[in-house]
Each structure stands twice: as structure tokens, then as C-alpha cells.
Amino acid sequence: MGRKYEVRKEAMHKTHLKRSKLFARYGKAIYIRAKEGGPDPDTNVELAHLIERAKKDDVPNDVIERNLKKATEKGGEDYEYVRYEGYGPAGSAVMIDALTDNVNRTVSDVRYCFMKAGSKLGVKGSVEHLFDHLAIIRVAAADEERILEWLLEADLDVSDIIAENGSLTIEAAGTELDKAEAVLRENKVDIEESTSGWFAKTPIELSEADYEAFKEFLERLNDLDDIQAVYHNVANDG
């Protein structure tokens, strides 16, 4: 998604998930979005974009439809978004997004992962300052000035637009991914790829031994059912 994005991507590599975990996490996120904003993608823009990303990640239609239907039923689970921060092995900075129906259970599980790694879960804000929260959108080659004009007219916080290899990569505030995508679609701009997340400002390289410990730490975190995404600043993660 552009040279600048690739550098940031190396610095904050969203941990690869096993497919079953990936499907479950998308399912939970779709359920919450549909329950909060309604199950109709035509009137729930955030849900529509989430479903689109799920399909690009090959999430089966039955997973999507089952969770949309579940959101319309009475009762159901009540989930809460929570974020954890801390320093992992060898001083690596880690941010963890979770979606849970039991905060006490989740924080206990996450704290145990840190403890097993000889590390410590931090307080809110302990590592966030080491990351940028960004939305990255790659679109097919188009009029750069016109696209910037559309985005600025919509009061979007655009920090950069990079033209490279026949595409434009747009960098904006992480909270504005859905709004930016909506503006681009309204103006018939072809979106090739999009993502949002926490991108490390300064990546670090770990020794081989430290990196092995770090990978074990990530595996423990990703084995937790409540975890949605893990972000970090280790550049030699691949």
C-alpha cells in the first residue's frame, strides 16, 4: 500500500491469526456492529464496510449471516470494547484490542500472558504515545488533487497521499476509515485495499533469542478468544 505504509506495516505488524480465530473474531465484531447500528448494511455504513473486509479475508457467508440474524434476536451477549497496553519481552511495546462479555476474565488472561513472558501489563496510556492511530486506504490511480479536495470538504483529517505504482495511498486519522471510504465510494473511486490500526512510530529490532520469546508471547495472546487484534513495534516480525 505504498512505500511509507510498508515501513509502518513492518513497525506494527498485526499478528497473523489462525483462520478459525479470524472467522470467530469477525463474527463477534459483525454481531456487535449490527446490534448497535442495525443489521441492514444499506443503513449501517460501519457494518457494510466491516462485512466487505470480512469477505476479502474469505470469511464464509454463513458466519456473516448467522451473526446478522443473531443481532436481531432478543437477549444475546453484551460485549464491551477494551484496550490493554504494556511492555512485552525485551521492552517491546504492545497494544491489545479485545471484545469481551467479562472484563475481569479478559484482563486476568491478558495479565497472565505478560507474566509468563516475564513482562508486566501496563496502565492506560503507557505505550499509546509510541504509536499513531491511522487509516490507510489504497485506491486505483486517480486525480490526487480532486481526491484530496473531496476528503477535506468532508472534514477528514488527511495526513498524506502517496502516488506509487499506479495507485494512491491515503493516510488519515484511524477513526475516520469508514467515513473516508464512504466519501470515496460516493465519488466512484475504486478502493483496492483499506485498513486501520496502531502503527509504531519507531520500530525496534530484537535479538534472535528475544524474538523467539516475543513470538511465544504473541501466540499466547492470540490463543485468547476475547482478543481482536494485537499491535506492536517489533520490526523483525514477519
C-alpha atoms as a PDB file:
ATOM      1  CA  MET A   1       0.000   0.000   0.000  1.00  0.00           C
ATOM      2  CA  GLY A   2       2.869   2.308  -0.710  1.00  0.00           C
ATOM      3  CA  ARG A   3       6.444   2.606   0.486  1.00  0.00           C
ATOM      4  CA  LYS A   4       5.588   4.705   3.548  1.00  0.00           C
ATOM      5  CA  TYR A   5       2.830   2.307   4.540  1.00  0.00           C
ATOM      6  CA  GLU A   6       5.117  -0.704   4.159  1.00  0.00           C
ATOM      7  CA  VAL A   7       7.611   0.841   6.584  1.00  0.00           C
ATOM      8  CA  ARG A   8       4.852   1.439   9.110  1.00  0.00           C
ATOM      9  CA  LYS A   9       3.465  -2.019   8.493  1.00  0.00           C
ATOM     10  CA  GLU A  10       6.810  -3.571   9.408  1.00  0.00           C
ATOM     11  CA  ALA A  11       6.910  -1.459  12.549  1.00  0.00           C
ATOM     12  CA  MET A  12       3.398  -2.516  13.635  1.00  0.00           C
ATOM     13  CA  HIS A  13       2.613  -5.897  12.207  1.00  0.00           C
ATOM     14  CA  LYS A  14      -0.892  -7.027  13.087  1.00  0.00           C
ATOM     15  CA  THR A  15      -0.370 -10.596  14.268  1.00  0.00           C
ATOM     16  CA  HIS A  16      -1.445 -13.310  11.847  1.00  0.00           C
ATOM     17  CA  LEU A  17      -4.484 -15.193  13.099  1.00  0.00           C
ATOM     18  CA  LYS A  18      -5.454 -18.775  12.524  1.00  0.00           C
ATOM     19  CA  ARG A  19      -8.431 -18.891  10.186  1.00  0.00           C
ATOM     20  CA  SER A  20     -10.848 -20.253  12.792  1.00  0.00           C
ATOM     21  CA  LYS A  21      -9.875 -17.462  15.156  1.00  0.00           C
ATOM     22  CA  LEU A  22     -10.171 -14.923  12.357  1.00  0.00           C
ATOM     23  CA  PHE A  23     -13.697 -16.050  11.473  1.00  0.00           C
ATOM     24  CA  ALA A  24     -14.783 -16.027  15.114  1.00  0.00           C
ATOM     25  CA  ARG A  25     -13.426 -12.534  15.657  1.00  0.00           C
ATOM     26  CA  TYR A  26     -15.090 -11.172  12.542  1.00  0.00           C
ATOM     27  CA  GLY A  27     -18.326 -12.865  13.618  1.00  0.00           C
ATOM     28  CA  LYS A  28     -18.249 -11.212  17.020  1.00  0.00           C
ATOM     29  CA  ALA A  29     -17.427  -7.798  15.523  1.00  0.00           C
ATOM     30  CA  ILE A  30     -20.238  -8.106  12.946  1.00  0.00           C
ATOM     31  CA  TYR A  31     -22.695  -9.076  15.697  1.00  0.00           C
ATOM     32  CA  ILE A  32     -21.767  -6.023  17.772  1.00  0.00           C
ATOM     33  CA  ARG A  33     -21.882  -3.590  14.831  1.00  0.00           C
ATOM     34  CA  ALA A  34     -25.254  -4.977  13.735  1.00  0.00           C
ATOM     35  CA  LYS A  35     -26.675  -4.879  17.261  1.00  0.00           C
ATOM     36  CA  GLU A  36     -25.506  -1.302  17.837  1.00  0.00           C
ATOM     37  CA  GLY A  37     -26.366   0.208  14.457  1.00  0.00           C
ATOM     38  CA  GLY A  38     -28.886  -2.174  12.919  1.00  0.00           C
ATOM     39  CA  PRO A  39     -28.391  -5.317  10.793  1.00  0.00           C
ATOM     40  CA  ASP A  40     -29.010  -3.664   7.408  1.00  0.00           C
ATOM     41  CA  PRO A  41     -25.698  -2.799   5.684  1.00  0.00           C
ATOM     42  CA  ASP A  42     -27.532  -0.283   3.498  1.00  0.00           C
ATOM     43  CA  THR A  43     -28.251   1.900   6.525  1.00  0.00           C
ATOM     44  CA  ASN A  44     -25.287   0.915   8.715  1.00  0.00           C
ATOM     45  CA  VAL A  45     -22.162   2.114   6.923  1.00  0.00           C
ATOM     46  CA  GLU A  46     -19.714   0.765   9.510  1.00  0.00           C
ATOM     47  CA  LEU A  47     -21.337  -2.670   9.264  1.00  0.00           C
ATOM     48  CA  ALA A  48     -21.222  -2.591   5.458  1.00  0.00           C
ATOM     49  CA  HIS A  49     -17.507  -1.839   5.430  1.00  0.00           C
ATOM     50  CA  LEU A  50     -16.830  -4.493   8.067  1.00  0.00           C
ATOM     51  CA  ILE A  51     -18.679  -7.113   6.018  1.00  0.00           C
ATOM     52  CA  GLU A  52     -16.724  -6.088   2.941  1.00  0.00           C
ATOM     53  CA  ARG A  53     -13.418  -6.547   4.779  1.00  0.00           C
ATOM     54  CA  ALA A  54     -14.618  -9.891   6.152  1.00  0.00           C
ATOM     55  CA  LYS A  55     -15.373 -11.124   2.639  1.00  0.00           C
ATOM     56  CA  LYS A  56     -11.951 -10.022   1.428  1.00  0.00           C
ATOM     57  CA  ASP A  57     -10.494 -12.172   4.231  1.00  0.00           C
ATOM     58  CA  ASP A  58     -12.587 -15.118   2.965  1.00  0.00           C
ATOM     59  CA  VAL A  59     -14.941 -15.233   5.934  1.00  0.00           C
ATOM     60  CA  PRO A  60     -17.761 -17.640   4.930  1.00  0.00           C
ATOM     61  CA  ASN A  61     -21.175 -16.141   4.199  1.00  0.00           C
ATOM     62  CA  ASP A  62     -22.821 -18.388   6.792  1.00  0.00           C
ATOM     63  CA  VAL A  63     -20.644 -16.809   9.518  1.00  0.00           C
ATOM     64  CA  ILE A  64     -21.723 -13.346   8.388  1.00  0.00           C
ATOM     65  CA  GLU A  65     -25.413 -14.200   8.024  1.00  0.00           C
ATOM     66  CA  ARG A  66     -25.564 -16.111  11.319  1.00  0.00           C
ATOM     67  CA  ASN A  67     -24.245 -13.142  13.265  1.00  0.00           C
ATOM     68  CA  LEU A  68     -26.504 -10.667  11.458  1.00  0.00           C
ATOM     69  CA  LYS A  69     -29.501 -12.802  12.383  1.00  0.00           C
ATOM     70  CA  LYS A  70     -28.261 -13.206  15.950  1.00  0.00           C
ATOM     71  CA  ALA A  71     -28.136  -9.413  16.316  1.00  0.00           C
ATOM     72  CA  THR A  72     -31.893  -9.173  15.610  1.00  0.00           C
ATOM     73  CA  GLU A  73     -32.880 -11.686  18.281  1.00  0.00           C
ATOM     74  CA  LYS A  74     -33.892 -10.712  21.795  1.00  0.00           C
ATOM     75  CA  GLY A  75     -31.300 -11.064  24.519  1.00  0.00           C
ATOM     76  CA  GLY A  76     -27.910 -12.229  23.307  1.00  0.00           C
ATOM     77  CA  GLU A  77     -24.485 -11.368  24.628  1.00  0.00           C
ATOM     78  CA  ASP A  78     -23.425  -7.912  25.732  1.00  0.00           C
ATOM     79  CA  TYR A  79     -19.835  -7.220  24.723  1.00  0.00           C
ATOM     80  CA  GLU A  80     -17.534  -4.377  25.680  1.00  0.00           C
ATOM     81  CA  TYR A  81     -14.550  -2.984  23.793  1.00  0.00           C
ATOM     82  CA  VAL A  82     -11.414  -2.825  25.933  1.00  0.00           C
ATOM     83  CA  ARG A  83      -7.783  -1.986  25.184  1.00  0.00           C
ATOM     84  CA  TYR A  84      -4.709  -3.132  27.071  1.00  0.00           C
ATOM     85  CA  GLU A  85      -1.178  -1.769  26.873  1.00  0.00           C
ATOM     86  CA  GLY A  86       2.172  -2.866  28.163  1.00  0.00           C
ATOM     87  CA  TYR A  87       5.775  -3.800  27.526  1.00  0.00           C
ATOM     88  CA  GLY A  88       6.454  -7.340  26.357  1.00  0.00           C
ATOM     89  CA  PRO A  89       9.738  -9.249  26.056  1.00  0.00           C
ATOM     90  CA  ALA A  90      12.880  -7.142  25.566  1.00  0.00           C
ATOM     91  CA  GLY A  91      10.976  -3.895  26.043  1.00  0.00           C
ATOM     92  CA  SER A  92       8.652  -4.381  23.061  1.00  0.00           C
ATOM     93  CA  ALA A  93       5.594  -2.125  23.128  1.00  0.00           C
ATOM     94  CA  VAL A  94       2.258  -3.889  22.741  1.00  0.00           C
ATOM     95  CA  MET A  95      -1.334  -2.725  22.318  1.00  0.00           C
ATOM     96  CA  ILE A  96      -4.179  -5.215  22.531  1.00  0.00           C
ATOM     97  CA  ASP A  97      -7.792  -4.723  21.444  1.00  0.00           C
ATOM     98  CA  ALA A  98     -10.395  -7.045  22.927  1.00  0.00           C
ATOM     99  CA  LEU A  99     -14.148  -7.558  22.756  1.00  0.00           C
ATOM    100  CA  THR A 100     -15.422  -9.238  25.899  1.00  0.00           C
ATOM    101  CA  ASP A 101     -18.509 -10.115  27.901  1.00  0.00           C
ATOM    102  CA  ASN A 102     -16.424 -10.480  31.075  1.00  0.00           C
ATOM    103  CA  VAL A 103     -13.778  -7.802  31.630  1.00  0.00           C
ATOM    104  CA  ASN A 104     -12.421  -9.437  34.778  1.00  0.00           C
ATOM    105  CA  ARG A 105     -11.770 -12.691  32.931  1.00  0.00           C
ATOM    106  CA  THR A 106     -10.137 -10.963  29.994  1.00  0.00           C
ATOM    107  CA  VAL A 107      -7.799  -8.740  31.979  1.00  0.00           C
ATOM    108  CA  SER A 108      -6.781 -11.740  34.075  1.00  0.00           C
ATOM    109  CA  ASP A 109      -5.990 -13.753  30.923  1.00  0.00           C
ATOM    110  CA  VAL A 110      -4.025 -10.909  29.356  1.00  0.00           C
ATOM    111  CA  ARG A 111      -2.091 -10.244  32.575  1.00  0.00           C
ATOM    112  CA  TYR A 112      -1.159 -13.945  32.744  1.00  0.00           C
ATOM    113  CA  CYS A 113       0.295 -13.768  29.206  1.00  0.00           C
ATOM    114  CA  PHE A 114       2.504 -10.860  30.257  1.00  0.00           C
ATOM    115  CA  MET A 115       3.527 -12.632  33.448  1.00  0.00           C
ATOM    116  CA  LYS A 116       4.507 -15.826  31.581  1.00  0.00           C
ATOM    117  CA  ALA A 117       6.732 -13.689  29.334  1.00  0.00           C
ATOM    118  CA  GLY A 118       8.455 -12.106  32.333  1.00  0.00           C
ATOM    119  CA  SER A 119       6.723  -8.835  31.466  1.00  0.00           C
ATOM    120  CA  LYS A 120       4.065  -6.639  33.003  1.00  0.00           C
ATOM    121  CA  LEU A 121       0.730  -5.312  31.827  1.00  0.00           C
ATOM    122  CA  GLY A 122       0.779  -1.524  31.890  1.00  0.00           C
ATOM    123  CA  VAL A 123      -1.805   1.148  32.620  1.00  0.00           C
ATOM    124  CA  LYS A 124      -3.831   3.045  30.054  1.00  0.00           C
ATOM    125  CA  GLY A 125      -1.565   5.327  28.023  1.00  0.00           C
ATOM    126  CA  SER A 126       1.648   3.546  28.969  1.00  0.00           C
ATOM    127  CA  VAL A 127       2.640   2.809  25.347  1.00  0.00           C
ATOM    128  CA  GLU A 128      -0.016   4.524  23.228  1.00  0.00           C
ATOM    129  CA  HIS A 129       2.275   7.528  22.738  1.00  0.00           C
ATOM    130  CA  LEU A 130       4.650   5.244  20.790  1.00  0.00           C
ATOM    131  CA  PHE A 131       2.023   4.596  18.097  1.00  0.00           C
ATOM    132  CA  ASP A 132      -0.001   6.508  15.526  1.00  0.00           C
ATOM    133  CA  HIS A 133      -3.642   5.540  15.052  1.00  0.00           C
ATOM    134  CA  LEU A 134      -4.055   5.588  11.283  1.00  0.00           C
ATOM    135  CA  ALA A 135      -6.402   4.641   8.490  1.00  0.00           C
ATOM    136  CA  ILE A 136      -4.639   3.573   5.305  1.00  0.00           C
ATOM    137  CA  ILE A 137      -6.592   3.357   2.042  1.00  0.00           C
ATOM    138  CA  ARG A 138      -5.173   2.413  -1.343  1.00  0.00           C
ATOM    139  CA  VAL A 139      -7.171   3.433  -4.405  1.00  0.00           C
ATOM    140  CA  ALA A 140      -6.700   2.936  -8.123  1.00  0.00           C
ATOM    141  CA  ALA A 141      -4.802   5.704  -9.905  1.00  0.00           C
ATOM    142  CA  ALA A 142      -6.921   8.832  -9.869  1.00  0.00           C
ATOM    143  CA  ASP A 143      -6.750  12.619  -9.669  1.00  0.00           C
ATOM    144  CA  GLU A 144      -4.796  13.202  -6.468  1.00  0.00           C
ATOM    145  CA  GLU A 145      -5.852  16.831  -6.087  1.00  0.00           C
ATOM    146  CA  ARG A 146      -9.520  16.018  -6.644  1.00  0.00           C
ATOM    147  CA  ILE A 147      -9.471  13.190  -4.093  1.00  0.00           C
ATOM    148  CA  LEU A 148      -7.791  15.410  -1.504  1.00  0.00           C
ATOM    149  CA  GLU A 149     -10.392  18.096  -2.171  1.00  0.00           C
ATOM    150  CA  TRP A 150     -13.260  15.645  -1.601  1.00  0.00           C
ATOM    151  CA  LEU A 151     -11.764  14.359   1.635  1.00  0.00           C
ATOM    152  CA  LEU A 152     -11.032  17.819   3.022  1.00  0.00           C
ATOM    153  CA  GLU A 153     -14.522  19.039   2.121  1.00  0.00           C
ATOM    154  CA  ALA A 154     -15.832  16.185   4.289  1.00  0.00           C
ATOM    155  CA  ASP A 155     -13.682  17.497   7.190  1.00  0.00           C
ATOM    156  CA  LEU A 156     -11.477  14.425   7.148  1.00  0.00           C
ATOM    157  CA  ASP A 157      -8.062  14.589   8.804  1.00  0.00           C
ATOM    158  CA  VAL A 158      -5.777  13.560   5.924  1.00  0.00           C
ATOM    159  CA  SER A 159      -2.082  13.473   6.771  1.00  0.00           C
ATOM    160  CA  ASP A 160      -0.608  12.197   3.496  1.00  0.00           C
ATOM    161  CA  ILE A 161      -1.357  10.968  -0.022  1.00  0.00           C
ATOM    162  CA  ILE A 162       1.324   8.944  -1.811  1.00  0.00           C
ATOM    163  CA  ALA A 163       1.303   8.182  -5.536  1.00  0.00           C
ATOM    164  CA  GLU A 164       3.166   4.987  -6.353  1.00  0.00           C
ATOM    165  CA  ASN A 165       2.939   2.087  -8.808  1.00  0.00           C
ATOM    166  CA  GLY A 166      -0.299   3.233 -10.386  1.00  0.00           C
ATOM    167  CA  SER A 167      -2.116   3.671  -7.083  1.00  0.00           C
ATOM    168  CA  LEU A 168      -2.710   6.357  -4.478  1.00  0.00           C
ATOM    169  CA  THR A 169      -2.261   5.579  -0.795  1.00  0.00           C
ATOM    170  CA  ILE A 170      -4.223   7.823   1.551  1.00  0.00           C
ATOM    171  CA  GLU A 171      -3.199   8.174   5.185  1.00  0.00           C
ATOM    172  CA  ALA A 172      -5.803   9.610   7.570  1.00  0.00           C
ATOM    173  CA  ALA A 173      -6.818   9.504  11.212  1.00  0.00           C
ATOM    174  CA  GLY A 174      -7.587   5.951  12.290  1.00  0.00           C
ATOM    175  CA  THR A 175     -11.090   6.771  13.492  1.00  0.00           C
ATOM    176  CA  GLU A 176     -12.094   8.052  10.058  1.00  0.00           C
ATOM    177  CA  LEU A 177     -11.682   4.916   7.954  1.00  0.00           C
ATOM    178  CA  ASP A 178     -15.410   4.329   7.417  1.00  0.00           C
ATOM    179  CA  LYS A 179     -16.109   7.997   6.689  1.00  0.00           C
ATOM    180  CA  ALA A 180     -13.209   8.195   4.219  1.00  0.00           C
ATOM    181  CA  GLU A 181     -14.350   5.041   2.438  1.00  0.00           C
ATOM    182  CA  ALA A 182     -17.885   6.441   2.178  1.00  0.00           C
ATOM    183  CA  VAL A 183     -16.618   9.677   0.597  1.00  0.00           C
ATOM    184  CA  LEU A 184     -14.518   7.771  -1.917  1.00  0.00           C
ATOM    185  CA  ARG A 185     -17.391   5.482  -2.880  1.00  0.00           C
ATOM    186  CA  GLU A 186     -19.755   8.416  -3.289  1.00  0.00           C
ATOM    187  CA  ASN A 187     -17.301   9.804  -5.832  1.00  0.00           C
ATOM    188  CA  LYS A 188     -16.906   6.451  -7.639  1.00  0.00           C
ATOM    189  CA  VAL A 189     -13.291   5.937  -6.561  1.00  0.00           C
ATOM    190  CA  ASP A 190     -12.185   2.292  -6.708  1.00  0.00           C
ATOM    191  CA  ILE A 191     -10.859   1.187  -3.297  1.00  0.00           C
ATOM    192  CA  GLU A 192      -8.244  -1.535  -3.680  1.00  0.00           C
ATOM    193  CA  GLU A 193      -7.374  -2.090  -0.011  1.00  0.00           C
ATOM    194  CA  SER A 194      -8.000  -0.461   3.348  1.00  0.00           C
ATOM    195  CA  THR A 195      -7.118  -0.950   6.982  1.00  0.00           C
ATOM    196  CA  SER A 196      -6.904   0.914  10.259  1.00  0.00           C
ATOM    197  CA  GLY A 197      -4.811   0.276  13.339  1.00  0.00           C
ATOM    198  CA  TRP A 198      -1.947   1.368  15.542  1.00  0.00           C
ATOM    199  CA  PHE A 199       1.334   1.893  13.709  1.00  0.00           C
ATOM    200  CA  ALA A 200       4.577   2.180  15.651  1.00  0.00           C
ATOM    201  CA  LYS A 201       6.376   5.490  15.263  1.00  0.00           C
ATOM    202  CA  THR A 202       9.808   3.915  15.815  1.00  0.00           C
ATOM    203  CA  PRO A 203      10.294   0.170  15.237  1.00  0.00           C
ATOM    204  CA  ILE A 204      12.758  -1.890  17.221  1.00  0.00           C
ATOM    205  CA  GLU A 205      14.825  -4.931  16.241  1.00  0.00           C
ATOM    206  CA  LEU A 206      15.096  -7.832  18.680  1.00  0.00           C
ATOM    207  CA  SER A 207      17.888 -10.348  19.014  1.00  0.00           C
ATOM    208  CA  GLU A 208      17.120 -13.870  17.829  1.00  0.00           C
ATOM    209  CA  ALA A 209      16.586 -15.137  21.384  1.00  0.00           C
ATOM    210  CA  ASP A 210      14.392 -12.190  22.358  1.00  0.00           C
ATOM    211  CA  TYR A 211      12.404 -12.548  19.169  1.00  0.00           C
ATOM    212  CA  GLU A 212      11.635 -16.203  19.930  1.00  0.00           C
ATOM    213  CA  ALA A 213      10.355 -15.196  23.368  1.00  0.00           C
ATOM    214  CA  PHE A 214       8.334 -12.430  21.771  1.00  0.00           C
ATOM    215  CA  LYS A 215       6.679 -14.834  19.312  1.00  0.00           C
ATOM    216  CA  GLU A 216       5.678 -17.165  22.141  1.00  0.00           C
ATOM    217  CA  PHE A 217       4.160 -14.176  23.918  1.00  0.00           C
ATOM    218  CA  LEU A 218       2.105 -13.259  20.849  1.00  0.00           C
ATOM    219  CA  GLU A 219       0.915 -16.833  20.430  1.00  0.00           C
ATOM    220  CA  ARG A 220      -0.411 -16.875  23.985  1.00  0.00           C
ATOM    221  CA  LEU A 221      -2.261 -13.629  23.412  1.00  0.00           C
ATOM    222  CA  ASN A 222      -3.780 -14.810  20.156  1.00  0.00           C
ATOM    223  CA  ASP A 223      -4.999 -18.013  21.770  1.00  0.00           C
ATOM    224  CA  LEU A 224      -7.362 -15.909  23.900  1.00  0.00           C
ATOM    225  CA  ASP A 225     -10.889 -15.890  22.480  1.00  0.00           C
ATOM    226  CA  ASP A 226     -11.581 -12.297  23.512  1.00  0.00           C
ATOM    227  CA  ILE A 227      -8.634 -10.790  21.614  1.00  0.00           C
ATOM    228  CA  GLN A 228      -9.499  -8.933  18.416  1.00  0.00           C
ATOM    229  CA  ALA A 229      -6.105  -7.553  17.401  1.00  0.00           C
ATOM    230  CA  VAL A 230      -2.550  -7.228  18.707  1.00  0.00           C
ATOM    231  CA  TYR A 231      -0.274  -4.368  17.626  1.00  0.00           C
ATOM    232  CA  HIS A 232       3.400  -3.940  18.429  1.00  0.00           C
ATOM    233  CA  ASN A 233       6.590  -2.175  17.434  1.00  0.00           C
ATOM    234  CA  VAL A 234       8.801  -5.172  16.597  1.00  0.00           C
ATOM    235  CA  ALA A 235      10.144  -4.684  13.088  1.00  0.00           C
ATOM    236  CA  ASN A 236      11.588  -8.187  12.618  1.00  0.00           C
ATOM    237  CA  ASP A 237       8.207  -9.860  12.944  1.00  0.00           C
ATOM    238  CA  GLY A 238       7.239 -11.391   9.619  1.00  0.00           C
END
